[in-house]
């Protein structure tokens, strides 16, 4: 294990997880607790994990607030997993609040990292959404293609800012390895995501005349990729997805659902009407994904990080269908949080 900025070595890795109250954050904490490679596991969030964990140290803090620096100053974590990047606002959360969590939260977290002397590794659960979904996209995006197309949506711009912040931190602190994991959408029987809610509908809306290639990552592979990246960090971006792709029509057929083809100009209006029935809307990024699709190359994940996903994209969809293809209950609403301090 490389020595940290202080030059000291610990007997085992000491890991801090942001967003530990999320389902994936709690799963990751449980997984790390069970691994003797990690001597200490801590989580920071505004609320505790979803399940009781054995030896987790819980730090109650809002990463958007400057006070997070004082909470983390002097701690001796050598690895940080940033798991608090929102793909879509929670119910009742404004897009502006999601932006604050993503961008300002990441800025404040990096400021806090300046005070963690032993820090050696940062792993970020980012998004392959940075590539976008384009009609003339390459068959598989490699990590060098992040700015091949304009960042068209607010979430894409958020992810672009976050990646820039971590790249700048890495440049200023060459002793810290920053790994940006670019995840494709996750599916699995225990998840509540846009994908599972979409496939869980009785009638599934599609873009008339389009059958895009999609690529997903199974929920268990999503966790194990994080673990592998903490153990074997590499500098820069790494795509995370199940091998192969699946056509949208085939995915809906596997879910045993009927399609509702909608002309592209009417798709947003038609699907948005579901709000009156309590159905969460589809984000602009997800709508573009349903129209044009996206696939990424995972060579760097398998050859450099050393993790080979257990589930292909097709197998991930089948496992979701076989074990949990119903609409999951929405996540518990977040407690009211104070507005973050304005950026200088």
Protein backbone atom coordinates (compact mmCIF):
# COMPACT_ATOMS: atom_id res chain seq x y z
CA UNK A 1 0.00 0.00 0.00
CA UNK A 2 1.49 3.41 -0.90
CA UNK A 3 2.21 5.83 1.90
CA UNK A 4 -0.05 8.83 2.28
CA UNK A 5 0.90 12.52 2.26
CA UNK A 6 2.05 12.20 5.87
CA UNK A 7 4.38 9.34 4.92
CA UNK A 8 2.72 6.95 7.41
CA UNK A 9 1.17 3.55 6.73
CA UNK A 10 -1.76 1.97 8.52
CA UNK A 11 -2.24 -1.76 9.10
CA UNK A 12 -5.43 -1.74 6.98
CA UNK A 13 -7.29 0.68 4.79
CA UNK A 14 -9.43 3.30 6.52
CA UNK A 15 -12.31 4.30 4.25
CA UNK A 16 -14.80 7.18 4.41
CA UNK A 17 -18.03 6.94 2.36
CA UNK A 18 -20.18 9.95 1.49
CA UNK A 19 -23.90 9.36 0.92
CA UNK A 20 -23.82 6.35 3.24
CA UNK A 21 -27.59 6.51 3.83
CA UNK A 22 -28.35 5.66 0.19
CA UNK A 23 -29.03 2.05 -0.70
CA UNK A 24 -25.75 1.65 -2.56
CA UNK A 25 -23.87 3.53 0.18
CA UNK A 26 -25.22 1.22 2.87
CA UNK A 27 -24.47 -1.87 0.74
CA UNK A 28 -20.92 -0.64 0.20
CA UNK A 29 -20.39 0.01 3.92
CA UNK A 30 -21.63 -3.49 4.78
CA UNK A 31 -19.36 -4.99 2.11
CA UNK A 32 -16.28 -3.14 3.38
CA UNK A 33 -17.03 -4.04 6.99
CA UNK A 34 -16.95 -7.73 6.07
CA UNK A 35 -13.58 -7.43 4.31
CA UNK A 36 -10.52 -7.76 6.60
CA UNK A 37 -8.58 -5.63 4.10
CA UNK A 38 -10.34 -2.60 5.61
CA UNK A 39 -9.55 -1.82 9.24
CA UNK A 40 -12.02 1.05 9.65
CA UNK A 41 -15.14 2.15 7.76
CA UNK A 42 -16.93 5.46 8.30
CA UNK A 43 -19.83 7.16 6.57
CA UNK A 44 -20.79 10.81 6.34
CA UNK A 45 -24.36 11.92 5.59
CA UNK A 46 -27.20 13.97 7.03
CA UNK A 47 -28.99 10.80 8.15
CA UNK A 48 -27.80 7.35 9.28
CA UNK A 49 -27.55 4.28 7.02
CA UNK A 50 -30.65 2.33 6.03
CA UNK A 51 -29.57 -0.69 8.09
CA UNK A 52 -27.72 -1.31 11.32
CA UNK A 53 -24.05 -1.88 10.60
CA UNK A 54 -21.58 -3.50 12.97
CA UNK A 55 -18.54 -1.25 13.23
CA UNK A 56 -19.38 1.71 11.01
CA UNK A 57 -18.45 5.12 12.38
CA UNK A 58 -21.24 7.49 11.38
CA UNK A 59 -20.42 11.19 10.96
CA UNK A 60 -23.50 13.37 10.69
CA UNK A 61 -22.67 16.24 8.37
CA UNK A 62 -23.88 17.96 5.20
CA UNK A 63 -21.09 17.94 2.62
CA UNK A 64 -22.55 21.13 1.12
CA UNK A 65 -21.73 23.07 4.26
CA UNK A 66 -18.31 24.51 5.14
CA UNK A 67 -18.69 22.88 8.57
CA UNK A 68 -17.87 19.51 6.97
CA UNK A 69 -14.24 20.63 6.92
CA UNK A 70 -14.10 20.90 10.70
CA UNK A 71 -15.83 17.51 11.05
CA UNK A 72 -13.23 15.79 8.88
CA UNK A 73 -10.14 17.79 9.83
CA UNK A 74 -7.57 15.64 11.57
CA UNK A 75 -9.21 12.34 10.62
CA UNK A 76 -6.87 9.61 9.35
CA UNK A 77 -8.79 8.13 6.44
CA UNK A 78 -6.57 7.01 3.58
CA UNK A 79 -9.41 6.36 1.11
CA UNK A 80 -12.55 8.33 0.27
CA UNK A 81 -15.51 7.03 -1.73
CA UNK A 82 -17.66 9.93 -2.96
CA UNK A 83 -21.10 8.35 -3.34
CA UNK A 84 -23.25 11.46 -2.97
CA UNK A 85 -23.89 12.51 -6.58
CA UNK A 86 -27.58 12.63 -7.48
CA UNK A 87 -28.73 11.37 -10.89
CA UNK A 88 -32.17 12.91 -10.44
CA UNK A 89 -33.73 15.08 -7.71
CA UNK A 90 -35.53 13.11 -5.00
CA UNK A 91 -39.30 13.64 -4.68
CA UNK A 92 -39.86 17.14 -3.37
CA UNK A 93 -36.31 18.24 -4.21
CA UNK A 94 -35.79 21.05 -6.69
CA UNK A 95 -33.28 20.77 -9.55
CA UNK A 96 -31.37 23.61 -7.89
CA UNK A 97 -31.03 21.64 -4.65
CA UNK A 98 -29.76 18.62 -6.59
CA UNK A 99 -27.22 20.88 -8.29
CA UNK A 100 -26.07 22.18 -4.91
CA UNK A 101 -25.59 18.63 -3.62
CA UNK A 102 -23.65 17.59 -6.70
CA UNK A 103 -21.45 20.59 -7.40
CA UNK A 104 -21.17 22.61 -4.20
CA UNK A 105 -21.10 19.42 -2.13
CA UNK A 106 -18.17 18.13 -4.18
CA UNK A 107 -16.34 21.45 -3.79
CA UNK A 108 -16.78 21.48 -0.02
CA UNK A 109 -15.73 17.84 0.18
CA UNK A 110 -12.52 18.53 -1.73
CA UNK A 111 -11.81 21.46 0.58
CA UNK A 112 -12.18 19.05 3.51
CA UNK A 113 -9.83 16.59 1.77
CA UNK A 114 -7.09 19.21 1.98
CA UNK A 115 -7.09 18.62 5.75
CA UNK A 116 -6.94 14.80 5.67
CA UNK A 117 -3.20 14.16 5.89
CA UNK A 118 -3.21 10.42 5.21
CA UNK A 119 -5.43 10.55 2.13
CA UNK A 120 -4.10 8.35 -0.67
CA UNK A 121 -7.14 7.43 -2.76
CA UNK A 122 -10.34 9.10 -3.91
CA UNK A 123 -12.94 7.05 -5.78
CA UNK A 124 -15.94 8.89 -7.20
CA UNK A 125 -19.19 7.20 -8.24
CA UNK A 126 -19.63 9.38 -11.31
CA UNK A 127 -21.76 8.87 -14.39
CA UNK A 128 -21.36 7.75 -17.99
CA UNK A 129 -24.03 10.38 -18.62
CA UNK A 130 -21.16 12.77 -19.30
CA UNK A 131 -20.90 11.20 -22.77
CA UNK A 132 -24.51 12.03 -23.50
CA UNK A 133 -26.80 10.15 -25.87
CA UNK A 134 -26.36 11.13 -29.49
CA UNK A 135 -27.74 9.84 -32.81
CA UNK A 136 -24.24 9.62 -34.36
CA UNK A 137 -22.41 8.36 -31.26
CA UNK A 138 -19.63 5.76 -31.54
CA UNK A 139 -20.56 2.14 -30.90
CA UNK A 140 -18.73 2.25 -27.54
CA UNK A 141 -17.45 5.36 -25.76
CA UNK A 142 -13.92 5.13 -24.39
CA UNK A 143 -12.80 7.28 -21.47
CA UNK A 144 -11.12 9.81 -23.79
CA UNK A 145 -14.44 10.71 -25.47
CA UNK A 146 -16.07 12.63 -22.60
CA UNK A 147 -16.19 15.94 -24.49
CA UNK A 148 -16.87 14.51 -27.93
CA UNK A 149 -20.32 16.15 -27.87
CA UNK A 150 -21.66 19.25 -26.08
CA UNK A 151 -22.89 18.84 -22.49
CA UNK A 152 -26.57 19.35 -23.29
CA UNK A 153 -28.35 18.82 -19.97
CA UNK A 154 -27.99 20.25 -16.48
CA UNK A 155 -26.87 16.91 -15.08
CA UNK A 156 -24.21 16.53 -17.76
CA UNK A 157 -22.88 19.99 -16.93
CA UNK A 158 -22.88 19.10 -13.22
CA UNK A 159 -20.88 15.93 -13.91
CA UNK A 160 -18.49 17.89 -16.13
CA UNK A 161 -17.87 20.40 -13.32
CA UNK A 162 -17.37 17.64 -10.76
CA UNK A 163 -14.85 15.84 -12.97
CA UNK A 164 -12.96 19.10 -13.50
CA UNK A 165 -12.79 19.74 -9.74
CA UNK A 166 -11.39 16.30 -8.99
CA UNK A 167 -8.93 16.49 -11.89
CA UNK A 168 -7.66 19.82 -10.52
CA UNK A 169 -7.32 18.34 -7.02
CA UNK A 170 -5.41 15.37 -8.45
CA UNK A 171 -3.05 17.69 -10.32
CA UNK A 172 -2.37 19.69 -7.14
CA UNK A 173 -1.92 16.54 -5.03
CA UNK A 174 -0.07 13.97 -7.17
CA UNK A 175 0.28 11.66 -4.15
CA UNK A 176 -3.51 11.16 -4.15
CA UNK A 177 -4.90 8.83 -6.82
CA UNK A 178 -8.30 10.03 -8.02
CA UNK A 179 -10.43 7.43 -9.83
CA UNK A 180 -13.58 8.68 -11.56
CA UNK A 181 -15.92 5.73 -12.12
CA UNK A 182 -18.35 6.52 -14.92
CA UNK A 183 -21.35 4.32 -14.24
CA UNK A 184 -23.98 3.28 -16.72
CA UNK A 185 -27.51 3.13 -15.16
CA UNK A 186 -27.86 0.44 -12.52
CA UNK A 187 -30.54 -2.24 -12.36
CA UNK A 188 -31.30 -4.90 -9.79
CA UNK A 189 -34.11 -6.39 -7.72
CA UNK A 190 -33.42 -4.13 -4.72
CA UNK A 191 -33.01 -0.86 -6.59
CA UNK A 192 -35.31 2.10 -7.15
CA UNK A 193 -33.88 3.87 -10.18
CA UNK A 194 -35.25 5.50 -13.29
CA UNK A 195 -34.58 2.26 -15.17
CA UNK A 196 -36.46 0.02 -12.72
CA UNK A 197 -39.35 2.46 -12.43
CA UNK A 198 -39.51 2.74 -16.22
CA UNK A 199 -39.50 -1.04 -16.81
CA UNK A 200 -41.88 -1.53 -13.88
CA UNK A 201 -44.73 0.35 -15.52
CA UNK A 202 -47.68 -1.59 -16.87
CA UNK A 203 -47.33 0.18 -20.22
CA UNK A 204 -43.89 1.44 -21.17
CA UNK A 205 -43.61 4.58 -23.34
CA UNK A 206 -41.05 4.52 -26.14
CA UNK A 207 -40.01 6.87 -28.92
CA UNK A 208 -41.86 5.95 -32.10
CA UNK A 209 -39.38 4.62 -34.66
CA UNK A 210 -36.45 4.21 -32.23
CA UNK A 211 -34.96 1.07 -30.69
CA UNK A 212 -31.71 2.21 -29.03
CA UNK A 213 -28.91 0.02 -27.70
CA UNK A 214 -28.73 0.27 -23.90
CA UNK A 215 -26.15 -0.84 -21.39
CA UNK A 216 -26.64 -1.34 -17.63
CA UNK A 217 -24.66 -2.41 -14.58
CA UNK A 218 -26.07 -4.87 -12.07
CA UNK A 219 -26.41 -3.52 -8.52
CA UNK A 220 -23.95 -6.08 -7.10
CA UNK A 221 -21.36 -5.21 -9.75
CA UNK A 222 -21.88 -1.53 -8.95
CA UNK A 223 -20.77 -2.19 -5.37
CA UNK A 224 -17.92 -4.55 -6.26
CA UNK A 225 -16.50 -2.09 -8.80
CA UNK A 226 -16.21 0.49 -6.01
CA UNK A 227 -14.45 -2.02 -3.77
CA UNK A 228 -12.05 -2.99 -6.55
CA UNK A 229 -11.27 0.66 -7.31
CA UNK A 230 -10.45 1.37 -3.65
CA UNK A 231 -8.11 -1.64 -3.57
CA UNK A 232 -6.57 -0.97 -7.00
CA UNK A 233 -7.05 2.74 -7.80
CA UNK A 234 -6.00 4.13 -11.16
CA UNK A 235 -5.74 7.77 -12.10
CA UNK A 236 -8.49 9.24 -14.25
CA UNK A 237 -11.80 7.97 -15.60
CA UNK A 238 -12.95 4.35 -15.74
CA UNK A 239 -16.18 3.17 -17.38
CA UNK A 240 -18.37 0.80 -15.35
CA UNK A 241 -21.04 -1.34 -17.03
CA UNK A 242 -22.02 -4.90 -17.72
CA UNK A 243 -20.54 -6.41 -20.89
CA UNK A 244 -22.66 -6.14 -24.01
CA UNK A 245 -25.81 -4.20 -24.79
CA UNK A 246 -29.53 -4.81 -25.13
CA UNK A 247 -32.09 -3.23 -27.42
CA UNK A 248 -34.82 -1.28 -25.63
CA UNK A 249 -37.55 -3.34 -27.28
CA UNK A 250 -35.94 -6.58 -26.08
CA UNK A 251 -35.55 -5.22 -22.53
CA UNK A 252 -39.24 -4.32 -22.40
CA UNK A 253 -40.15 -7.73 -23.80
CA UNK A 254 -38.03 -9.45 -21.13
CA UNK A 255 -39.89 -7.40 -18.51
CA UNK A 256 -43.14 -8.75 -20.00
CA UNK A 257 -44.56 -5.28 -20.57
CA UNK A 258 -46.37 -3.59 -23.44
CA UNK A 259 -44.94 -0.60 -25.26
CA UNK A 260 -46.63 2.70 -26.00
CA UNK A 261 -44.83 4.26 -28.99
CA UNK A 262 -45.03 8.05 -28.88
CA UNK A 263 -43.86 10.50 -31.57
CA UNK A 264 -40.70 12.28 -30.43
CA UNK A 265 -42.22 15.81 -30.32
CA UNK A 266 -44.94 14.57 -27.94
CA UNK A 267 -42.85 12.28 -25.74
CA UNK A 268 -41.97 14.76 -23.00
CA UNK A 269 -45.50 16.13 -22.75
CA UNK A 270 -47.10 12.70 -22.70
CA UNK A 271 -44.78 11.16 -20.11
CA UNK A 272 -44.86 14.33 -18.02
CA UNK A 273 -48.62 13.91 -17.62
CA UNK A 274 -47.89 10.97 -15.33
CA UNK A 275 -47.04 13.42 -12.54
CA UNK A 276 -50.76 13.80 -11.89
CA UNK A 277 -50.84 10.10 -11.04
CA UNK A 278 -47.83 10.31 -8.76
CA UNK A 279 -45.36 8.91 -11.30
CA UNK A 280 -41.95 10.53 -11.13
CA UNK A 281 -41.01 12.22 -14.42
CA UNK A 282 -38.21 11.03 -16.67
CA UNK A 283 -35.13 13.27 -16.55
CA UNK A 284 -33.92 14.92 -19.78
CA UNK A 285 -30.85 12.65 -19.73
CA UNK A 286 -32.97 9.51 -19.44
CA UNK A 287 -35.29 10.64 -22.22
CA UNK A 288 -32.30 11.10 -24.55
CA UNK A 289 -31.05 7.66 -23.47
CA UNK A 290 -34.39 6.11 -24.44
CA UNK A 291 -34.19 7.77 -27.83
CA UNK A 292 -30.54 7.32 -28.82
CA UNK A 293 -29.03 4.86 -26.32
CA UNK A 294 -25.40 4.69 -25.15
CA UNK A 295 -22.69 2.05 -24.68
CA UNK A 296 -19.23 2.30 -23.14
CA UNK A 297 -16.00 0.35 -23.39
CA UNK A 298 -15.01 -1.35 -20.09
CA UNK A 299 -11.49 -2.46 -21.03
CA UNK A 300 -9.90 -0.20 -18.44
CA UNK A 301 -12.15 -1.57 -15.69
CA UNK A 302 -11.25 -5.17 -16.46
CA UNK A 303 -7.56 -4.77 -17.33
CA UNK A 304 -6.34 -1.94 -15.07
CA UNK A 305 -8.71 -1.94 -12.09
CA UNK A 306 -8.90 -5.72 -12.38
CA UNK A 307 -12.66 -6.12 -11.99
CA UNK A 308 -14.73 -8.15 -14.43
CA UNK A 309 -18.50 -7.70 -13.90
CA UNK A 310 -20.36 -10.91 -13.06
CA UNK A 311 -23.51 -9.87 -14.94
CA UNK A 312 -23.73 -8.90 -18.58
CA UNK A 313 -26.27 -6.23 -19.47
CA UNK A 314 -28.79 -8.86 -20.58
CA UNK A 315 -28.22 -10.92 -17.42
CA UNK A 316 -28.67 -7.84 -15.26
CA UNK A 317 -32.05 -7.13 -16.84
CA UNK A 318 -33.10 -10.77 -16.48
CA UNK A 319 -32.13 -10.82 -12.79
CA UNK A 320 -34.15 -7.66 -12.18
CA UNK A 321 -37.15 -9.16 -13.98
CA UNK A 322 -36.92 -12.55 -12.25
CA UNK A 323 -36.43 -11.23 -8.73
CA UNK A 324 -37.92 -7.76 -8.50
CA UNK A 325 -39.66 -6.42 -11.59
CA UNK A 326 -42.21 -4.30 -9.77
CA UNK A 327 -42.10 -0.62 -9.10
CA UNK A 328 -40.07 -0.13 -5.94
CA UNK A 329 -41.28 2.25 -3.23
CA UNK A 330 -39.69 5.68 -3.46
CA UNK A 331 -36.73 6.39 -1.17
CA UNK A 332 -37.52 8.02 2.14
CA UNK A 333 -37.59 11.80 1.74
CA UNK A 334 -34.55 13.74 2.83
CA UNK A 335 -34.73 15.85 5.93
CA UNK A 336 -34.82 19.61 5.28
CA UNK A 337 -31.27 20.82 4.87
CA UNK A 338 -29.92 24.35 5.24
CA UNK A 339 -28.87 26.14 2.10
CA UNK A 340 -25.14 25.89 1.42
CA UNK A 341 -22.91 28.89 1.69
CA UNK A 342 -22.39 30.74 -1.56
CA UNK A 343 -19.22 30.05 -3.45
CA UNK A 344 -16.58 32.69 -3.18
